[in-house]
Protein backbone atom coordinates (compact mmCIF):
# COMPACT_ATOMS: atom_id res chain seq x y z
CA MET A 1 60.83 -6.44 16.46
CA THR A 2 61.01 -2.68 16.84
CA PHE A 3 58.68 -0.77 19.15
CA LEU A 4 56.79 0.86 16.30
CA LYS A 5 56.15 -2.54 14.57
CA TRP A 6 55.05 -4.04 17.88
CA GLU A 7 52.70 -1.07 18.53
CA SER A 8 51.21 -1.42 15.01
CA LEU A 9 50.70 -5.15 15.53
CA LEU A 10 48.85 -4.49 18.83
CA GLU A 11 46.68 -1.84 17.30
CA LYS A 12 45.64 -4.12 14.45
CA HIS A 13 44.72 -7.03 16.75
CA ILE A 14 42.99 -4.86 19.31
CA GLU A 15 40.98 -3.06 16.66
CA GLY A 16 39.99 -6.34 15.08
CA PHE A 17 39.00 -7.77 18.49
CA PHE A 18 36.76 -4.81 19.29
CA ASN A 19 35.18 -4.80 15.87
CA LYS A 20 34.37 -8.48 16.16
CA LYS A 21 33.11 -8.35 19.77
CA PHE A 22 31.28 -5.08 19.82
CA ALA A 23 30.00 -4.42 16.30
CA SER A 24 26.30 -3.60 16.50
CA ASP A 25 23.76 -6.09 15.17
CA LEU A 26 21.67 -4.97 12.15
CA GLN A 27 18.36 -3.80 13.41
CA LEU A 28 15.02 -3.83 11.53
CA VAL A 29 14.53 -0.13 12.20
CA GLU A 30 17.78 0.55 10.25
CA ILE A 31 16.61 -1.64 7.38
CA GLU A 32 13.37 0.29 7.25
CA LYS A 33 15.30 3.55 6.89
CA TYR A 34 17.30 2.08 4.03
CA LEU A 35 14.10 0.88 2.41
CA GLU A 36 12.42 4.24 2.73
CA ARG A 37 15.48 6.02 1.24
CA GLU A 38 15.56 3.63 -1.70
CA MET A 39 11.87 4.25 -2.39
CA GLN A 40 12.38 7.99 -2.26
CA LEU A 41 15.28 7.84 -4.62
CA GLN A 42 13.62 5.52 -7.14
CA LYS A 43 10.06 6.83 -7.28
CA LYS A 44 9.07 7.93 -10.83
CA ARG A 45 6.22 10.08 -12.06
CA GLN A 46 3.91 8.92 -14.85
CA ALA A 47 0.60 10.33 -15.90
CA GLN A 48 0.33 12.58 -12.76
CA GLN A 49 1.01 9.70 -10.44
CA TYR A 50 4.16 8.50 -8.66
CA TYR A 51 5.24 4.88 -8.80
CA ILE A 52 7.90 2.98 -6.86
CA PRO A 53 9.73 -0.26 -7.79
CA ASN A 54 7.99 -3.49 -6.84
CA GLN A 55 11.05 -5.54 -6.03
CA TYR A 56 13.63 -4.91 -3.25
CA SER A 57 16.67 -7.08 -2.70
CA LEU A 58 18.07 -6.74 0.78
CA TYR A 59 21.69 -7.81 1.19
CA MET A 60 23.23 -8.43 4.67
CA GLY A 61 26.28 -10.11 6.19
CA ALA A 62 26.22 -13.83 7.05
CA GLU A 63 25.86 -13.27 10.85
CA ASP A 64 22.99 -10.86 10.51
CA TYR A 65 21.33 -13.11 7.87
CA GLN A 66 21.35 -16.08 10.31
CA ARG A 67 20.12 -14.06 13.25
CA LEU A 68 17.24 -12.16 11.64
CA CYS A 69 15.42 -15.20 10.25
CA PRO A 70 14.72 -14.19 6.62
CA LEU A 71 11.07 -15.26 6.40
CA SER A 72 10.01 -13.13 9.37
CA VAL A 73 12.04 -10.23 7.94
CA VAL A 74 10.26 -10.55 4.59
CA GLU A 75 6.80 -10.51 6.26
CA GLN A 76 7.60 -7.42 8.32
CA LEU A 77 9.28 -5.54 5.53
CA GLU A 78 6.37 -6.20 3.26
CA SER A 79 4.11 -4.46 5.69
CA VAL A 80 6.58 -1.63 6.05
CA ALA A 81 6.85 -1.23 2.24
CA MET A 82 3.04 -1.08 1.93
CA ARG A 83 2.75 1.60 4.61
CA LEU A 84 5.62 3.63 3.09
CA ASN A 85 3.94 3.41 -0.30
CA ILE A 86 0.85 5.09 1.12
CA ARG A 87 2.83 7.73 3.04
CA LEU A 88 4.75 8.54 -0.05
CA ASP A 89 1.49 8.68 -2.06
CA CYS A 90 2.74 6.24 -4.69
CA LEU A 91 1.46 3.09 -6.45
CA ILE A 92 3.15 -0.27 -6.96
CA GLU A 93 2.57 -2.23 -10.12
CA ASP A 94 2.44 -5.99 -10.20
CA LYS A 95 3.47 -8.02 -7.16
CA LEU A 96 5.49 -6.49 -4.31
CA GLN A 97 8.55 -8.67 -3.52
CA ILE A 98 11.10 -8.45 -0.69
CA LEU A 99 14.11 -10.68 -1.23
CA VAL A 100 16.70 -11.35 1.50
CA LYS A 101 20.14 -12.22 0.35
CA LYS A 102 23.41 -13.08 2.04
CA ASP A 103 26.55 -11.07 1.11
CA ALA A 104 29.77 -12.34 2.73
CA SER A 105 31.52 -9.06 1.87
CA LEU A 106 29.27 -7.07 4.17
CA GLN A 107 30.23 -6.56 7.79
CA LYS A 108 27.95 -7.20 10.74
CA GLY A 109 25.52 -4.39 11.21
CA SER A 110 25.50 -3.20 7.60
CA CYS A 111 23.25 -3.86 4.67
CA ARG A 112 22.35 -2.49 1.25
CA ILE A 113 19.05 -2.49 -0.78
CA VAL A 114 18.78 -2.73 -4.59
CA SER A 115 15.42 -2.10 -6.16
CA SER A 116 14.13 -3.18 -9.53
CA TRP A 117 11.03 -2.98 -11.69
CA GLU A 118 9.58 -6.44 -12.48
CA ASN A 119 6.99 -6.72 -15.22
CA ALA A 120 6.35 -2.97 -14.86
CA THR A 121 4.76 -0.82 -17.53
CA VAL A 122 6.08 2.33 -15.91
CA ALA A 123 8.73 3.95 -18.12
CA VAL A 124 12.06 3.37 -16.28
CA ASP A 125 15.73 3.82 -17.19
CA ASP A 126 17.35 0.75 -18.76
CA ALA A 127 19.76 0.50 -15.92
CA ALA A 128 17.00 0.23 -13.39
CA ALA A 129 15.09 -2.24 -15.57
CA ILE A 130 17.97 -4.77 -15.72
CA GLU A 131 18.86 -4.96 -12.03
CA SER A 132 19.82 -8.39 -10.78
CA ARG A 133 16.87 -10.79 -10.73
CA THR A 134 18.60 -13.63 -8.93
CA ILE A 135 16.16 -15.01 -6.31
CA VAL A 136 17.91 -16.14 -3.14
CA LEU A 137 14.86 -16.38 -0.91
CA GLU A 138 11.24 -16.64 -1.83
CA ARG A 139 8.17 -17.33 0.38
CA PRO A 140 7.95 -21.15 0.71
CA THR A 141 5.12 -23.04 -0.90
CA PHE A 142 2.54 -23.73 1.79
CA ALA A 143 -0.19 -26.36 1.87
CA LYS A 144 -3.47 -25.15 0.41
CA SER A 145 -5.02 -25.21 3.81
CA LEU A 146 -2.50 -22.71 5.18
CA ARG A 147 -2.74 -19.02 4.41
CA LEU A 148 -0.06 -16.34 4.76
CA PRO A 149 -0.99 -13.73 7.33
CA GLU A 150 -2.70 -10.62 6.02
CA HIS A 151 -0.80 -7.37 6.41
CA LYS A 152 -2.59 -4.78 8.51
CA ILE A 153 -1.27 -1.47 7.28
CA ALA A 154 -3.94 1.21 8.02
CA VAL A 155 -6.73 1.94 10.41
CA LEU A 156 -10.18 3.53 9.88
CA THR A 157 -11.47 5.32 12.99
CA VAL A 158 -14.79 7.12 13.65
CA VAL A 159 -13.93 10.52 15.02
CA SER A 160 -17.43 12.00 14.96
CA GLY A 161 -20.92 10.56 14.93
CA ALA A 162 -22.97 7.87 16.58
CA ASP A 163 -20.18 5.33 16.48
CA VAL A 164 -17.37 7.56 17.71
CA GLU A 165 -14.13 5.71 18.58
CA ALA A 166 -15.16 2.53 16.56
CA ARG A 167 -12.14 1.46 14.49
CA LEU A 168 -11.15 -1.18 12.00
CA GLU A 169 -7.69 -2.19 10.85
CA LEU A 170 -7.34 -2.33 7.10
CA GLY A 171 -5.27 -4.79 5.13
CA GLU A 172 -5.58 -6.36 1.69
CA LYS A 173 -9.19 -7.51 1.99
CA LYS A 174 -12.18 -5.56 0.69
CA VAL A 175 -14.08 -3.76 3.42
CA HIS A 176 -17.82 -2.83 3.18
CA ILE A 177 -19.19 0.10 5.23
CA GLY A 178 -22.75 0.95 6.18
CA ARG A 179 -25.78 -0.11 8.23
CA ARG A 180 -25.96 -3.67 6.84
CA GLU A 181 -25.24 -6.16 9.57
CA LYS A 182 -22.79 -8.25 7.51
CA ASN A 183 -20.60 -5.24 6.67
CA GLU A 184 -17.03 -5.43 7.95
CA PHE A 185 -17.48 -1.83 9.26
CA LEU A 186 -21.02 -1.60 10.71
CA LEU A 187 -22.38 1.89 11.27
CA THR A 188 -25.55 2.82 13.26
CA ASP A 189 -25.87 6.23 11.70
CA ILE A 190 -29.45 6.42 10.30
CA ASN A 191 -28.17 8.69 7.48
CA ALA A 192 -25.83 6.07 6.19
CA SER A 193 -27.03 3.59 3.56
CA ARG A 194 -27.11 -0.08 4.19
CA LEU A 195 -24.13 -0.56 1.89
CA HIS A 196 -22.83 2.93 1.75
CA ALA A 197 -19.27 2.51 0.54
CA CYS A 198 -16.42 0.02 0.33
CA ILE A 199 -12.63 0.10 0.47
CA ALA A 200 -10.59 -2.08 -1.92
CA PHE A 201 -6.81 -2.67 -2.03
CA GLU A 202 -5.44 -2.00 -5.51
CA GLN A 203 -1.77 -1.39 -6.52
CA TYR A 204 -0.94 -1.45 -2.84
CA ARG A 205 -3.28 1.49 -2.01
CA HIS A 206 -6.67 1.66 -0.38
CA ILE A 207 -9.30 2.86 -2.77
CA LEU A 208 -12.64 4.14 -1.49
CA TYR A 209 -15.69 3.59 -3.68
CA ASP A 210 -19.22 5.02 -3.08
CA GLY A 211 -21.83 2.24 -3.10
CA SER A 212 -24.47 4.31 -4.96
CA SER A 213 -25.42 5.69 -1.53
CA LEU A 214 -28.46 7.93 -1.04
CA ASN A 215 -26.57 10.77 0.66
CA GLY A 216 -23.19 10.33 -1.03
CA THR A 217 -19.69 9.76 0.21
CA PHE A 218 -17.27 12.70 0.86
CA VAL A 219 -13.46 12.86 1.35
CA ASN A 220 -12.19 16.06 2.95
CA GLY A 221 -15.47 17.77 1.95
CA ASP A 222 -15.45 16.66 -1.67
CA LYS A 223 -18.15 14.32 -2.96
CA VAL A 224 -16.52 11.35 -4.57
CA ASP A 225 -17.37 8.14 -6.49
CA CYS A 226 -13.86 6.77 -6.20
CA ARG A 227 -10.83 8.14 -4.35
CA CYS A 228 -7.30 6.79 -3.59
CA LEU A 229 -7.03 7.43 0.13
CA LYS A 230 -4.12 9.34 1.61
CA TYR A 231 -2.80 9.49 5.16
CA GLY A 232 -5.10 11.72 7.28
CA ASP A 233 -8.04 11.78 4.88
CA GLU A 234 -11.45 12.27 6.51
CA ILE A 235 -14.34 10.34 5.07
CA GLN A 236 -17.94 11.51 5.65
CA ILE A 237 -20.75 9.00 5.50
CA GLY A 238 -24.07 10.44 6.60
CA ASN A 239 -23.32 12.23 9.87
CA THR A 240 -20.27 10.11 10.57
CA ILE A 241 -16.65 11.24 10.05
CA LEU A 242 -13.99 8.57 9.70
CA ARG A 243 -10.28 9.23 9.59
CA TYR A 244 -7.96 7.09 7.51
CA GLU A 245 -4.40 6.70 8.99
CA VAL A 246 -1.41 4.43 8.27
CA MET A 247 -0.43 2.24 11.22
């Protein structure tokens, strides 16, 4: 064997050894960046509102797939997708789905994300509408007595008023705000109604509704009956100012 051939053989084996031993594991923070980029690329405008796909298929190599435990990845990425949806000021139609799939052709530390519109009424390109719908991983069927954890994706904080620094994490459940004791967010402000307002979760956004309050509900100084909340919005209820932020 000539010197050049021997040198080439050594390079090949050494390179393979280092790639195998020291290739970086795929990290969730990297997956989140891929997910955000896919959302940015695929968001579409319809009737003065932006929408993003509701299904995301995440492909990763066999080693990363085994290590990351797909169910926990799905739960975390669903929360991430909900937060990104708010930050991008978009809506999601139908049910949000994160699917984790194994792709033997992908090397350790790499992944790809393919989005699709499932049961969407948003006008999309044919190519986007016929993306692969093969389900590799779905949430398992749990006993009726067990419930999947609620995603906490935003927080409402009192920044001015009698209850300053009071805060409540918001998820998918409806939240009632006011002086009534059974409200999820109880205020002591005497200028707030007993049931002053509520926040519902619709199309993966938090929607603020005035509860026919005596003094009205305001968002960034504007009186509202209904408002889709955005990151950083300030809500005035009586003499209380609450700030809405994504976690």
